Every structure is written in structure tokens, then in C-alpha cells.
Amino acid sequence: MVIVGEIHDERRGLAPRIARLALATIVVGVLLTWATDGPVRLDGLDGPNDGWLILIVALFALGWTPSMARMSWIGTIGVLGASIVIASTALTGWRENHEVLGATVGVGLILVLIGAAGLAWSAVTTALAITRPPRKED
């Protein structure tokens, strides 16, 4: 017989780990190249890029992750909102670097977007786990 609490623990174990991994990916991505134009390379903290904003929002998401791990709606919504802000900021940087500078995208910006997707996945997975009652197995 499986205890209901054990099933609930299995559901919430992976999402917070993915969220922390996604946050680490975002931080590394901010520090790497976002845009290149010939010999010129800009990271997330250079020029018009808003890497500082992404780092601040990632810090908030890191604070909400333990709450999300406890299956709290506040933490889950906070992490989801952070992922949306991070992704939209990175996409805006991508668009501006291309339109204004004619630059191509760098690996750092792609890592930030991958991290934002991982963060969103962890929040959505947690939200689904909160809304579904645990299964009872005899």
C-alpha cells in the first residue's frame, strides 16, 4: 500500500530541482555573450541588455522556490511570473540587438531562454500537482 503523502512527495521533488537548475542556467546565460557583431560581443550586462533586471527577478524566483516546493500557490505563481518576465526581457534584448545593432544572438541569451522555459515548466508542473488530488493505491 502506498501512503498518500508519499505520492505527494514524489510529485513535488523534481520541480524545485529543475527550478534551481534553471536559475543557475539563467545566471550563467546573463554572464555569457548575448549578441555578436563581428569582433564586438555583448553579454547580458553590457550595452542595452537588461541582464541586471533578469538577475534581480531570478533572485526573487529563488526566494519563491522553497514555497513552491511546499506546494504553495504564492510560490508557484511567483516562479511562473518570474519566468515570464525573464523570457520577455530576454526576447526584447534579442529583438533590440538585432534591429538596432544588426547583431546575431549569442549563446548566453539562448541559455537564459532555456532557463526561463525550465522555470515555467517547474511552476506549471507544480500547479498541476496542486490541483490534482493525490491518487490512492491499495
Protein backbone atom coordinates (compact mmCIF):
# COMPACT_ATOMS: atom_id res chain seq x y z
CA MET A 1 0.00 0.00 0.00
CA VAL A 2 1.29 3.45 -0.92
CA ILE A 3 0.71 6.23 1.55
CA VAL A 4 -0.93 9.33 0.09
CA GLY A 5 1.81 11.62 1.46
CA GLU A 6 4.50 9.64 -0.39
CA ILE A 7 2.78 10.23 -3.72
CA HIS A 8 2.54 13.93 -2.93
CA ASP A 9 6.28 13.98 -2.11
CA GLU A 10 7.15 12.33 -5.44
CA ARG A 11 5.22 14.99 -7.34
CA ARG A 12 6.96 17.91 -5.72
CA GLY A 13 10.51 16.54 -5.71
CA LEU A 14 11.53 17.19 -9.30
CA ALA A 15 10.04 20.64 -9.96
CA PRO A 16 12.10 22.56 -7.35
CA ARG A 17 15.30 20.88 -8.54
CA ILE A 18 14.52 21.82 -12.14
CA ALA A 19 13.74 25.38 -10.97
CA ARG A 20 17.13 25.70 -9.21
CA LEU A 21 18.92 24.26 -12.25
CA ALA A 22 17.03 26.68 -14.50
CA LEU A 23 18.02 29.60 -12.26
CA ALA A 24 21.67 28.58 -12.43
CA THR A 25 21.37 28.36 -16.22
CA ILE A 26 19.88 31.86 -16.29
CA VAL A 27 22.71 33.33 -14.20
CA VAL A 28 25.36 31.71 -16.42
CA GLY A 29 23.47 32.91 -19.51
CA VAL A 30 23.43 36.51 -18.29
CA LEU A 31 27.21 36.41 -17.91
CA LEU A 32 27.84 34.93 -21.37
CA THR A 33 27.55 36.53 -24.82
CA TRP A 34 24.10 37.80 -25.80
CA ALA A 35 24.90 39.45 -29.09
CA THR A 36 27.77 39.41 -31.57
CA ASP A 37 28.52 41.71 -34.46
CA GLY A 38 31.90 40.95 -35.97
CA PRO A 39 34.52 41.40 -33.25
CA VAL A 40 32.05 43.09 -30.88
CA ARG A 41 30.47 40.86 -28.24
CA LEU A 42 27.95 41.99 -25.64
CA ASP A 43 26.98 39.95 -22.61
CA GLY A 44 23.77 40.37 -20.65
CA LEU A 45 25.22 43.17 -18.53
CA ASP A 46 26.64 45.22 -21.44
CA GLY A 47 25.03 47.90 -23.52
CA PRO A 48 21.27 47.88 -23.90
CA ASN A 49 20.84 44.41 -22.42
CA ASP A 50 18.81 44.08 -19.23
CA GLY A 51 20.79 41.32 -17.57
CA TRP A 52 20.62 43.11 -14.22
CA LEU A 53 16.83 43.00 -14.34
CA ILE A 54 16.96 39.30 -15.13
CA LEU A 55 19.32 38.66 -12.20
CA ILE A 56 17.04 40.57 -9.80
CA VAL A 57 13.95 38.67 -10.98
CA ALA A 58 15.89 35.38 -10.76
CA LEU A 59 16.71 36.24 -7.14
CA PHE A 60 13.00 36.66 -6.42
CA ALA A 61 12.31 33.31 -8.11
CA LEU A 62 14.98 31.69 -5.95
CA GLY A 63 13.15 33.03 -2.91
CA TRP A 64 9.82 31.64 -4.14
CA THR A 65 11.21 28.19 -4.97
CA PRO A 66 11.04 26.78 -1.40
CA SER A 67 7.43 27.95 -1.17
CA MET A 68 6.70 26.28 -4.49
CA ALA A 69 8.32 23.09 -3.19
CA ARG A 70 5.81 23.14 -0.31
CA MET A 71 3.02 23.23 -2.93
CA SER A 72 2.10 26.85 -2.21
CA TRP A 73 0.16 28.83 -4.78
CA ILE A 74 2.07 32.01 -3.86
CA GLY A 75 5.45 30.44 -4.63
CA THR A 76 4.16 28.71 -7.74
CA ILE A 77 2.63 31.88 -9.19
CA GLY A 78 5.74 33.86 -8.21
CA VAL A 79 8.04 31.44 -10.04
CA LEU A 80 5.75 31.39 -13.09
CA GLY A 81 5.60 35.19 -13.15
CA ALA A 82 9.39 35.41 -12.84
CA SER A 83 9.83 33.04 -15.76
CA ILE A 84 7.55 35.20 -17.90
CA VAL A 85 9.41 38.41 -17.00
CA ILE A 86 12.79 36.76 -17.65
CA ALA A 87 11.72 35.35 -21.01
CA SER A 88 10.11 38.58 -22.20
CA THR A 89 13.15 40.62 -21.13
CA ALA A 90 15.50 38.25 -22.96
CA LEU A 91 13.32 38.26 -26.09
CA THR A 92 13.22 42.06 -26.03
CA GLY A 93 17.01 42.13 -25.79
CA TRP A 94 17.26 39.71 -28.71
CA ARG A 95 14.95 41.85 -30.84
CA GLU A 96 16.65 45.13 -29.95
CA ASN A 97 20.15 43.77 -30.55
CA HIS A 98 19.08 42.52 -33.96
CA GLU A 99 17.11 45.60 -35.04
CA VAL A 100 19.41 48.31 -33.68
CA LEU A 101 22.85 46.74 -33.91
CA GLY A 102 22.26 44.14 -36.59
CA ALA A 103 23.84 41.65 -34.19
CA THR A 104 23.32 37.91 -34.09
CA VAL A 105 22.18 36.09 -31.00
CA GLY A 106 24.76 34.66 -28.60
CA VAL A 107 24.78 31.50 -26.53
CA GLY A 108 24.09 33.40 -23.30
CA LEU A 109 20.75 34.70 -24.49
CA ILE A 110 19.73 31.23 -25.61
CA LEU A 111 20.69 29.83 -22.19
CA VAL A 112 18.56 32.49 -20.49
CA LEU A 113 15.57 31.50 -22.62
CA ILE A 114 16.13 27.79 -21.91
CA GLY A 115 16.35 28.58 -18.20
CA ALA A 116 13.15 30.61 -18.35
CA ALA A 117 11.40 27.68 -20.04
CA GLY A 118 12.63 25.32 -17.32
CA LEU A 119 11.42 27.71 -14.65
CA ALA A 120 7.99 27.93 -16.30
CA TRP A 121 7.85 24.13 -16.61
CA SER A 122 8.54 23.69 -12.90
CA ALA A 123 5.81 26.17 -11.96
CA VAL A 124 3.22 24.67 -14.30
CA THR A 125 4.05 21.15 -13.12
CA THR A 126 3.66 22.23 -9.51
CA ALA A 127 0.36 23.98 -10.28
CA LEU A 128 -0.94 20.80 -11.88
CA ALA A 129 0.18 18.78 -8.86
CA ILE A 130 -1.61 21.19 -6.52
CA THR A 131 -4.87 21.00 -8.44
CA ARG A 132 -4.88 17.21 -8.78
CA PRO A 133 -5.69 15.24 -5.66
CA PRO A 134 -3.16 12.51 -4.82
CA ARG A 135 -4.09 9.04 -6.06
CA LYS A 136 -4.76 6.32 -3.54
CA GLU A 137 -3.31 2.97 -4.40
CA ASP A 138 -4.23 -0.10 -2.39
